[in-house]
Amino acid sequence: MNENYKFSISCKVNSHDTDSAGNVRPSVMMRYIHEAANLQFESGHPTLDELRYNQHMVFILSKVSMHIYRPLHSYENIDIVTWANDSSAASFYRSGQIFVGGELSAELISVWALVDTESRRLYRSKEVSIGIATSPEMPDITQPAHIKMPENAEFRFAGEREVYNSDTDINGHMNNTNYPDMLCNFIPGIRESMVRSFRINYLREAKFGERFRVYIADSPEGHYMRTVKSDGTTGAEALIVTEELV
């Protein structure tokens, strides 16, 4: 890329990342963009490991919005572009896009918090330098924000889920990229549908061994979803928009 704030990688779609319809799962598409962002940090300093182990800082995802325009399929060659956006207060923004042969397949905007691993306090953007150029440019999609559940939404119990070891990452809780697929598993008829967009608010961590309940409410806007922890607090809220496969 000519823009010095953007970072890009190219790769081939792994056939094991596709679902029963042959489309790459939404969690994987999110993961592709996140991994490109991780590699941008690895290309300079401080790396994410240097932030964690030397400065005791970690990025925690708080909100994400992703739109999928064209599904990805096995062995397609894709280009992934990511860049850091200008931050605001304690919110660190990042954007990403996936292209197939120059065609835009998906794009994402995410909001992160930078947390002190020892005190758990949040850093404000003016306090730190992440060593990466930023830009105000963002994809022209719905920016991540608090998801306002419809007042008349009729939530129904969809099921329970335990956080298994395979769900967790180095932070000890369910990795943020696992949420789209996990939530989609509770949407009726998901095998006959594809995800067109999703927004997720990550409110509280789901740690290894925890059990939580999943609730869903269908509306013209899509599937509103909520996870509820054993203590009654909300873990995550989401709006997932699906489209019937043809």
C-alpha atoms as a PDB file:
ATOM      1  CA  MET A   1       0.000   0.000   0.000  1.00  0.00           C
ATOM      2  CA  ASN A   2       1.143   3.555  -0.677  1.00  0.00           C
ATOM      3  CA  GLU A   3      -0.483   4.932   2.463  1.00  0.00           C
ATOM      4  CA  ASN A   4       2.175   4.624   5.156  1.00  0.00           C
ATOM      5  CA  TYR A   5      -0.382   4.041   7.893  1.00  0.00           C
ATOM      6  CA  LYS A   6      -1.869   0.973   6.225  1.00  0.00           C
ATOM      7  CA  PHE A   7      -0.514  -2.553   6.542  1.00  0.00           C
ATOM      8  CA  SER A   8      -1.421  -5.366   4.168  1.00  0.00           C
ATOM      9  CA  ILE A   9      -0.855  -9.097   3.852  1.00  0.00           C
ATOM     10  CA  SER A  10      -1.900 -11.666   1.258  1.00  0.00           C
ATOM     11  CA  CYS A  11      -2.862 -15.270   1.915  1.00  0.00           C
ATOM     12  CA  LYS A  12      -4.935 -18.175   0.647  1.00  0.00           C
ATOM     13  CA  VAL A  13      -8.196 -19.200   2.333  1.00  0.00           C
ATOM     14  CA  ASN A  14      -7.856 -22.369   4.387  1.00  0.00           C
ATOM     15  CA  SER A  15     -10.468 -24.957   3.410  1.00  0.00           C
ATOM     16  CA  HIS A  16     -10.959 -25.882   7.087  1.00  0.00           C
ATOM     17  CA  ASP A  17     -12.278 -22.357   7.751  1.00  0.00           C
ATOM     18  CA  THR A  18     -15.470 -22.867   5.723  1.00  0.00           C
ATOM     19  CA  ASP A  19     -18.940 -23.884   6.908  1.00  0.00           C
ATOM     20  CA  SER A  20     -21.441 -26.418   5.554  1.00  0.00           C
ATOM     21  CA  ALA A  21     -22.334 -24.054   2.688  1.00  0.00           C
ATOM     22  CA  GLY A  22     -18.686 -23.617   1.706  1.00  0.00           C
ATOM     23  CA  ASN A  23     -18.477 -20.040   3.003  1.00  0.00           C
ATOM     24  CA  VAL A  24     -15.780 -18.881   5.400  1.00  0.00           C
ATOM     25  CA  ARG A  25     -17.298 -18.528   8.882  1.00  0.00           C
ATOM     26  CA  PRO A  26     -17.774 -14.995  10.258  1.00  0.00           C
ATOM     27  CA  SER A  27     -15.422 -15.616  13.188  1.00  0.00           C
ATOM     28  CA  VAL A  28     -12.668 -16.552  10.743  1.00  0.00           C
ATOM     29  CA  MET A  29     -13.164 -13.435   8.627  1.00  0.00           C
ATOM     30  CA  MET A  30     -12.836 -11.359  11.787  1.00  0.00           C
ATOM     31  CA  ARG A  31      -9.772 -13.399  12.755  1.00  0.00           C
ATOM     32  CA  TYR A  32      -8.084 -12.739   9.392  1.00  0.00           C
ATOM     33  CA  ILE A  33      -8.266  -8.980  10.001  1.00  0.00           C
ATOM     34  CA  HIS A  34      -7.170  -9.254  13.632  1.00  0.00           C
ATOM     35  CA  GLU A  35      -4.169 -11.345  12.668  1.00  0.00           C
ATOM     36  CA  ALA A  36      -3.119  -8.788  10.069  1.00  0.00           C
ATOM     37  CA  ALA A  37      -3.266  -6.155  12.829  1.00  0.00           C
ATOM     38  CA  ASN A  38      -1.112  -8.357  15.065  1.00  0.00           C
ATOM     39  CA  LEU A  39       1.422  -8.698  12.271  1.00  0.00           C
ATOM     40  CA  GLN A  40       1.555  -4.928  11.880  1.00  0.00           C
ATOM     41  CA  PHE A  41       2.627  -4.708  15.516  1.00  0.00           C
ATOM     42  CA  GLU A  42       5.165  -7.490  14.933  1.00  0.00           C
ATOM     43  CA  SER A  43       6.705  -5.480  12.081  1.00  0.00           C
ATOM     44  CA  GLY A  44       7.789  -2.695  14.449  1.00  0.00           C
ATOM     45  CA  HIS A  45       8.091  -1.744  18.096  1.00  0.00           C
ATOM     46  CA  PRO A  46       6.594  -2.136  20.550  1.00  0.00           C
ATOM     47  CA  THR A  47       5.254  -5.553  19.567  1.00  0.00           C
ATOM     48  CA  LEU A  48       2.224  -6.891  21.402  1.00  0.00           C
ATOM     49  CA  ASP A  49       4.492  -9.165  23.459  1.00  0.00           C
ATOM     50  CA  GLU A  50       6.703  -6.204  24.362  1.00  0.00           C
ATOM     51  CA  LEU A  51       3.629  -4.290  25.482  1.00  0.00           C
ATOM     52  CA  ARG A  52       2.460  -7.242  27.584  1.00  0.00           C
ATOM     53  CA  TYR A  53       5.687  -8.393  29.185  1.00  0.00           C
ATOM     54  CA  ASN A  54       7.756  -5.198  29.327  1.00  0.00           C
ATOM     55  CA  GLN A  55       5.106  -2.525  29.833  1.00  0.00           C
ATOM     56  CA  HIS A  56       2.311  -4.659  31.343  1.00  0.00           C
ATOM     57  CA  MET A  57      -0.268  -3.463  28.808  1.00  0.00           C
ATOM     58  CA  VAL A  58      -2.792  -5.455  26.774  1.00  0.00           C
ATOM     59  CA  PHE A  59      -5.425  -4.447  24.257  1.00  0.00           C
ATOM     60  CA  ILE A  60      -8.937  -5.696  25.097  1.00  0.00           C
ATOM     61  CA  LEU A  61     -11.680  -5.529  22.463  1.00  0.00           C
ATOM     62  CA  SER A  62     -14.749  -3.628  23.622  1.00  0.00           C
ATOM     63  CA  LYS A  63     -16.824  -3.212  20.444  1.00  0.00           C
ATOM     64  CA  VAL A  64     -16.758  -4.425  16.855  1.00  0.00           C
ATOM     65  CA  SER A  65     -18.817  -3.872  13.713  1.00  0.00           C
ATOM     66  CA  MET A  66     -18.286  -6.036  10.613  1.00  0.00           C
ATOM     67  CA  HIS A  67     -20.059  -6.102   7.241  1.00  0.00           C
ATOM     68  CA  ILE A  68     -19.692  -9.002   4.801  1.00  0.00           C
ATOM     69  CA  TYR A  69     -20.484  -8.232   1.159  1.00  0.00           C
ATOM     70  CA  ARG A  70     -19.135 -11.325  -0.538  1.00  0.00           C
ATOM     71  CA  PRO A  71     -18.452 -14.690   1.101  1.00  0.00           C
ATOM     72  CA  LEU A  72     -14.970 -16.193   0.923  1.00  0.00           C
ATOM     73  CA  HIS A  73     -14.385 -19.720  -0.320  1.00  0.00           C
ATOM     74  CA  SER A  74     -11.692 -22.381  -0.074  1.00  0.00           C
ATOM     75  CA  TYR A  75      -8.319 -21.575  -1.628  1.00  0.00           C
ATOM     76  CA  GLU A  76      -9.230 -18.081  -2.797  1.00  0.00           C
ATOM     77  CA  ASN A  77      -6.343 -15.633  -2.720  1.00  0.00           C
ATOM     78  CA  ILE A  78      -7.204 -12.707  -0.475  1.00  0.00           C
ATOM     79  CA  ASP A  79      -5.615  -9.399   0.464  1.00  0.00           C
ATOM     80  CA  ILE A  80      -6.139  -8.067   3.986  1.00  0.00           C
ATOM     81  CA  VAL A  81      -5.606  -4.403   4.802  1.00  0.00           C
ATOM     82  CA  THR A  82      -5.587  -2.979   8.330  1.00  0.00           C
ATOM     83  CA  TRP A  83      -4.784   0.347   9.935  1.00  0.00           C
ATOM     84  CA  ALA A  84      -5.028   2.125  13.264  1.00  0.00           C
ATOM     85  CA  ASN A  85      -7.444   5.026  13.497  1.00  0.00           C
ATOM     86  CA  ASP A  86      -7.100   8.185  15.512  1.00  0.00           C
ATOM     87  CA  SER A  87      -7.950   7.377  19.116  1.00  0.00           C
ATOM     88  CA  SER A  88     -10.313   9.172  21.462  1.00  0.00           C
ATOM     89  CA  ALA A  89      -9.971   9.288  25.251  1.00  0.00           C
ATOM     90  CA  ALA A  90      -9.574   5.649  26.329  1.00  0.00           C
ATOM     91  CA  SER A  91     -10.808   4.192  23.032  1.00  0.00           C
ATOM     92  CA  PHE A  92      -8.335   2.915  20.436  1.00  0.00           C
ATOM     93  CA  TYR A  93      -9.943   2.428  17.004  1.00  0.00           C
ATOM     94  CA  ARG A  94      -8.808   0.089  14.245  1.00  0.00           C
ATOM     95  CA  SER A  95     -10.170  -0.657  10.765  1.00  0.00           C
ATOM     96  CA  GLY A  96      -9.712  -3.537   8.366  1.00  0.00           C
ATOM     97  CA  GLN A  97     -10.815  -4.776   4.956  1.00  0.00           C
ATOM     98  CA  ILE A  98     -10.626  -8.017   2.956  1.00  0.00           C
ATOM     99  CA  PHE A  99     -10.350  -8.051  -0.838  1.00  0.00           C
ATOM    100  CA  VAL A 100     -10.643 -10.840  -3.416  1.00  0.00           C
ATOM    101  CA  GLY A 101      -9.149  -9.912  -6.770  1.00  0.00           C
ATOM    102  CA  GLY A 102      -9.589  -6.245  -5.906  1.00  0.00           C
ATOM    103  CA  GLU A 103     -13.247  -6.737  -4.919  1.00  0.00           C
ATOM    104  CA  LEU A 104     -14.176  -5.696  -1.378  1.00  0.00           C
ATOM    105  CA  SER A 105     -15.382  -8.773   0.509  1.00  0.00           C
ATOM    106  CA  ALA A 106     -15.687  -7.492   4.080  1.00  0.00           C
ATOM    107  CA  GLU A 107     -14.763  -4.578   6.301  1.00  0.00           C
ATOM    108  CA  LEU A 108     -14.545  -4.011  10.023  1.00  0.00           C
ATOM    109  CA  ILE A 109     -14.196  -1.269  12.618  1.00  0.00           C
ATOM    110  CA  SER A 110     -13.171  -2.204  16.150  1.00  0.00           C
ATOM    111  CA  VAL A 111     -12.759  -0.310  19.418  1.00  0.00           C
ATOM    112  CA  TRP A 112     -10.139  -1.410  21.931  1.00  0.00           C
ATOM    113  CA  ALA A 113      -9.196  -0.532  25.493  1.00  0.00           C
ATOM    114  CA  LEU A 114      -5.550  -0.547  26.587  1.00  0.00           C
ATOM    115  CA  VAL A 115      -5.443  -2.108  30.046  1.00  0.00           C
ATOM    116  CA  ASP A 116      -2.719  -2.281  32.698  1.00  0.00           C
ATOM    117  CA  THR A 117      -2.376  -6.005  33.479  1.00  0.00           C
ATOM    118  CA  GLU A 118      -1.430  -5.323  37.106  1.00  0.00           C
ATOM    119  CA  SER A 119      -3.719  -2.482  38.201  1.00  0.00           C
ATOM    120  CA  ARG A 120      -6.452  -3.065  35.551  1.00  0.00           C
ATOM    121  CA  ARG A 121      -6.673   0.669  34.934  1.00  0.00           C
ATOM    122  CA  LEU A 122      -7.431   1.970  31.450  1.00  0.00           C
ATOM    123  CA  TYR A 123      -4.876   4.055  29.602  1.00  0.00           C
ATOM    124  CA  ARG A 124      -5.980   7.147  27.722  1.00  0.00           C
ATOM    125  CA  SER A 125      -4.652   7.526  24.198  1.00  0.00           C
ATOM    126  CA  LYS A 126      -2.709  10.673  25.090  1.00  0.00           C
ATOM    127  CA  GLU A 127      -0.746   8.763  27.751  1.00  0.00           C
ATOM    128  CA  VAL A 128       0.880   6.211  25.457  1.00  0.00           C
ATOM    129  CA  SER A 129       2.474   5.759  22.061  1.00  0.00           C
ATOM    130  CA  ILE A 130       1.752   2.485  20.266  1.00  0.00           C
ATOM    131  CA  GLY A 131       4.427   3.106  17.631  1.00  0.00           C
ATOM    132  CA  ILE A 132       1.997   2.945  14.691  1.00  0.00           C
ATOM    133  CA  ALA A 133       0.825   5.813  12.488  1.00  0.00           C
ATOM    134  CA  THR A 134      -2.904   6.535  12.701  1.00  0.00           C
ATOM    135  CA  SER A 135      -5.489   7.965  10.328  1.00  0.00           C
ATOM    136  CA  PRO A 136      -9.038   9.333  10.639  1.00  0.00           C
ATOM    137  CA  GLU A 137     -10.049   7.248   7.599  1.00  0.00           C
ATOM    138  CA  MET A 138     -12.634   4.566   8.415  1.00  0.00           C
ATOM    139  CA  PRO A 139     -14.764   2.220   6.296  1.00  0.00           C
ATOM    140  CA  ASP A 140     -18.177   3.628   5.462  1.00  0.00           C
ATOM    141  CA  ILE A 141     -20.088   1.256   7.730  1.00  0.00           C
ATOM    142  CA  THR A 142     -21.951   1.495  11.025  1.00  0.00           C
ATOM    143  CA  GLN A 143     -19.383   2.413  13.621  1.00  0.00           C
ATOM    144  CA  PRO A 144     -19.249   0.291  16.770  1.00  0.00           C
ATOM    145  CA  ALA A 145     -21.421   1.810  19.475  1.00  0.00           C
ATOM    146  CA  HIS A 146     -23.563   0.708  22.357  1.00  0.00           C
ATOM    147  CA  ILE A 147     -26.221  -1.634  20.986  1.00  0.00           C
ATOM    148  CA  LYS A 148     -29.623  -0.345  22.035  1.00  0.00           C
ATOM    149  CA  MET A 149     -31.946  -3.273  22.414  1.00  0.00           C
ATOM    150  CA  PRO A 150     -35.508  -2.553  21.153  1.00  0.00           C
ATOM    151  CA  GLU A 151     -37.837  -1.740  24.026  1.00  0.00           C
ATOM    152  CA  ASN A 152     -40.392  -4.275  22.790  1.00  0.00           C
ATOM    153  CA  ALA A 153     -37.839  -7.035  22.146  1.00  0.00           C
ATOM    154  CA  GLU A 154     -39.100 -10.414  23.352  1.00  0.00           C
ATOM    155  CA  PHE A 155     -35.987 -12.303  24.349  1.00  0.00           C
ATOM    156  CA  ARG A 156     -36.252 -16.056  24.622  1.00  0.00           C
ATOM    157  CA  PHE A 157     -33.818 -18.498  26.175  1.00  0.00           C
ATOM    158  CA  ALA A 158     -31.721 -20.103  23.429  1.00  0.00           C
ATOM    159  CA  GLY A 159     -29.355 -22.285  25.451  1.00  0.00           C
ATOM    160  CA  GLU A 160     -26.328 -22.450  27.684  1.00  0.00           C
ATOM    161  CA  ARG A 161     -22.647 -22.468  26.911  1.00  0.00           C
ATOM    162  CA  GLU A 162     -19.559 -23.312  28.931  1.00  0.00           C
ATOM    163  CA  VAL A 163     -16.210 -21.656  28.243  1.00  0.00           C
ATOM    164  CA  TYR A 164     -13.853 -24.483  27.288  1.00  0.00           C
ATOM    165  CA  ASN A 165     -10.081 -24.456  27.147  1.00  0.00           C
ATOM    166  CA  SER A 166     -10.207 -24.328  23.340  1.00  0.00           C
ATOM    167  CA  ASP A 167     -12.198 -21.069  23.569  1.00  0.00           C
ATOM    168  CA  THR A 168      -9.626 -19.219  25.631  1.00  0.00           C
ATOM    169  CA  ASP A 169      -6.553 -17.191  24.777  1.00  0.00           C
ATOM    170  CA  ILE A 170      -3.516 -16.006  26.716  1.00  0.00           C
ATOM    171  CA  ASN A 171      -5.753 -13.652  28.707  1.00  0.00           C
ATOM    172  CA  GLY A 172      -7.660 -16.628  30.133  1.00  0.00           C
ATOM    173  CA  HIS A 173     -11.058 -15.719  28.721  1.00  0.00           C
ATOM    174  CA  MET A 174     -13.028 -16.566  25.575  1.00  0.00           C
ATOM    175  CA  ASN A 175     -11.202 -14.984  22.660  1.00  0.00           C
ATOM    176  CA  ASN A 176     -13.185 -12.171  21.065  1.00  0.00           C
ATOM    177  CA  THR A 177     -13.043 -13.776  17.613  1.00  0.00           C
ATOM    178  CA  ASN A 178     -14.910 -16.850  18.906  1.00  0.00           C
ATOM    179  CA  TYR A 179     -18.057 -14.884  19.684  1.00  0.00           C
ATOM    180  CA  PRO A 180     -19.586 -14.540  16.169  1.00  0.00           C
ATOM    181  CA  ASP A 181     -19.570 -18.289  15.491  1.00  0.00           C
ATOM    182  CA  MET A 182     -20.576 -19.108  19.081  1.00  0.00           C
ATOM    183  CA  LEU A 183     -23.590 -16.798  18.886  1.00  0.00           C
ATOM    184  CA  CYS A 184     -24.553 -17.968  15.392  1.00  0.00           C
ATOM    185  CA  ASN A 185     -24.822 -21.520  16.725  1.00  0.00           C
ATOM    186  CA  PHE A 186     -27.927 -20.368  18.629  1.00  0.00           C
ATOM    187  CA  ILE A 187     -29.694 -18.785  15.624  1.00  0.00           C
ATOM    188  CA  PRO A 188     -32.434 -21.086  14.249  1.00  0.00           C
ATOM    189  CA  GLY A 189     -31.900 -22.029  10.606  1.00  0.00           C
ATOM    190  CA  ILE A 190     -28.346 -20.749  10.534  1.00  0.00           C
ATOM    191  CA  ARG A 191     -27.281 -23.612   8.217  1.00  0.00           C
ATOM    192  CA  GLU A 192     -29.597 -22.190   5.553  1.00  0.00           C
ATOM    193  CA  SER A 193     -28.342 -18.632   6.034  1.00  0.00           C
ATOM    194  CA  MET A 194     -25.206 -16.538   5.744  1.00  0.00           C
ATOM    195  CA  VAL A 195     -24.161 -13.674   7.997  1.00  0.00           C
ATOM    196  CA  ARG A 196     -24.239 -10.263   6.323  1.00  0.00           C
ATOM    197  CA  SER A 197     -23.167  -8.171   9.306  1.00  0.00           C
ATOM    198  CA  PHE A 198     -22.656  -8.305  13.032  1.00  0.00           C
ATOM    199  CA  ARG A 199     -22.062  -5.883  15.849  1.00  0.00           C
ATOM    200  CA  ILE A 200     -20.875  -7.052  19.257  1.00  0.00           C
ATOM    201  CA  ASN A 201     -20.387  -5.212  22.539  1.00  0.00           C
ATOM    202  CA  TYR A 202     -18.000  -7.042  24.865  1.00  0.00           C
ATOM    203  CA  LEU A 203     -19.082  -5.982  28.348  1.00  0.00           C
ATOM    204  CA  ARG A 204     -17.595  -8.609  30.690  1.00  0.00           C
ATOM    205  CA  GLU A 205     -15.071 -11.376  30.168  1.00  0.00           C
ATOM    206  CA  ALA A 206     -16.175 -15.012  29.927  1.00  0.00           C
ATOM    207  CA  LYS A 207     -13.452 -16.902  31.752  1.00  0.00           C
ATOM    208  CA  PHE A 208     -12.436 -20.534  31.454  1.00  0.00           C
ATOM    209  CA  GLY A 209     -14.936 -22.845  33.156  1.00  0.00           C
ATOM    210  CA  GLU A 210     -17.731 -20.256  33.368  1.00  0.00           C
ATOM    211  CA  ARG A 211     -21.220 -21.071  32.146  1.00  0.00           C
ATOM    212  CA  PHE A 212     -23.482 -18.460  30.651  1.00  0.00           C
ATOM    213  CA  ARG A 213     -26.969 -18.346  29.178  1.00  0.00           C
ATOM    214  CA  VAL A 214     -27.741 -17.080  25.686  1.00  0.00           C
ATOM    215  CA  TYR A 215     -30.929 -15.173  24.837  1.00  0.00           C
ATOM    216  CA  ILE A 216     -32.202 -14.140  21.410  1.00  0.00           C
ATOM    217  CA  ALA A 217     -34.882 -11.785  20.088  1.00  0.00           C
ATOM    218  CA  ASP A 218     -35.757 -11.641  16.392  1.00  0.00           C
ATOM    219  CA  SER A 219     -36.636  -8.323  14.782  1.00  0.00           C
ATOM    220  CA  PRO A 220     -36.772  -6.752  11.302  1.00  0.00           C
ATOM    221  CA  GLU A 221     -33.238  -5.443  11.967  1.00  0.00           C
ATOM    222  CA  GLY A 222     -31.845  -8.907  12.660  1.00  0.00           C
ATOM    223  CA  HIS A 223     -31.158 -11.156  15.626  1.00  0.00           C
ATOM    224  CA  TYR A 224     -30.539  -9.325  18.885  1.00  0.00           C
ATOM    225  CA  MET A 225     -28.554 -11.523  21.251  1.00  0.00           C
ATOM    226  CA  ARG A 226     -27.335 -11.341  24.836  1.00  0.00           C
ATOM    227  CA  THR A 227     -25.191 -13.560  27.037  1.00  0.00           C
ATOM    228  CA  VAL A 228     -25.938 -13.603  30.772  1.00  0.00           C
ATOM    229  CA  LYS A 229     -23.380 -14.759  33.312  1.00  0.00           C
ATOM    230  CA  SER A 230     -24.193 -16.912  36.337  1.00  0.00           C
ATOM    231  CA  ASP A 231     -24.284 -13.807  38.566  1.00  0.00           C
ATOM    232  CA  GLY A 232     -26.982 -12.255  36.372  1.00  0.00           C
ATOM    233  CA  THR A 233     -24.768  -9.661  34.694  1.00  0.00           C
ATOM    234  CA  THR A 234     -24.619  -9.236  30.929  1.00  0.00           C
ATOM    235  CA  GLY A 235     -21.482 -10.585  29.293  1.00  0.00           C
ATOM    236  CA  ALA A 236     -21.991  -9.529  25.677  1.00  0.00           C
ATOM    237  CA  GLU A 237     -24.677  -8.042  23.453  1.00  0.00           C
ATOM    238  CA  ALA A 238     -24.912  -8.444  19.704  1.00  0.00           C
ATOM    239  CA  LEU A 239     -26.935  -7.718  16.600  1.00  0.00           C
ATOM    240  CA  ILE A 240     -26.432 -10.302  13.857  1.00  0.00           C
ATOM    241  CA  VAL A 241     -27.983  -9.824  10.409  1.00  0.00           C
ATOM    242  CA  THR A 242     -28.421 -12.944   8.272  1.00  0.00           C
ATOM    243  CA  GLU A 243     -29.626 -13.608   4.757  1.00  0.00           C
ATOM    244  CA  GLU A 244     -31.163 -16.803   3.428  1.00  0.00           C
ATOM    245  CA  LEU A 245     -28.901 -18.772   1.125  1.00  0.00           C
ATOM    246  CA  VAL A 246     -30.052 -19.120  -2.474  1.00  0.00           C
END
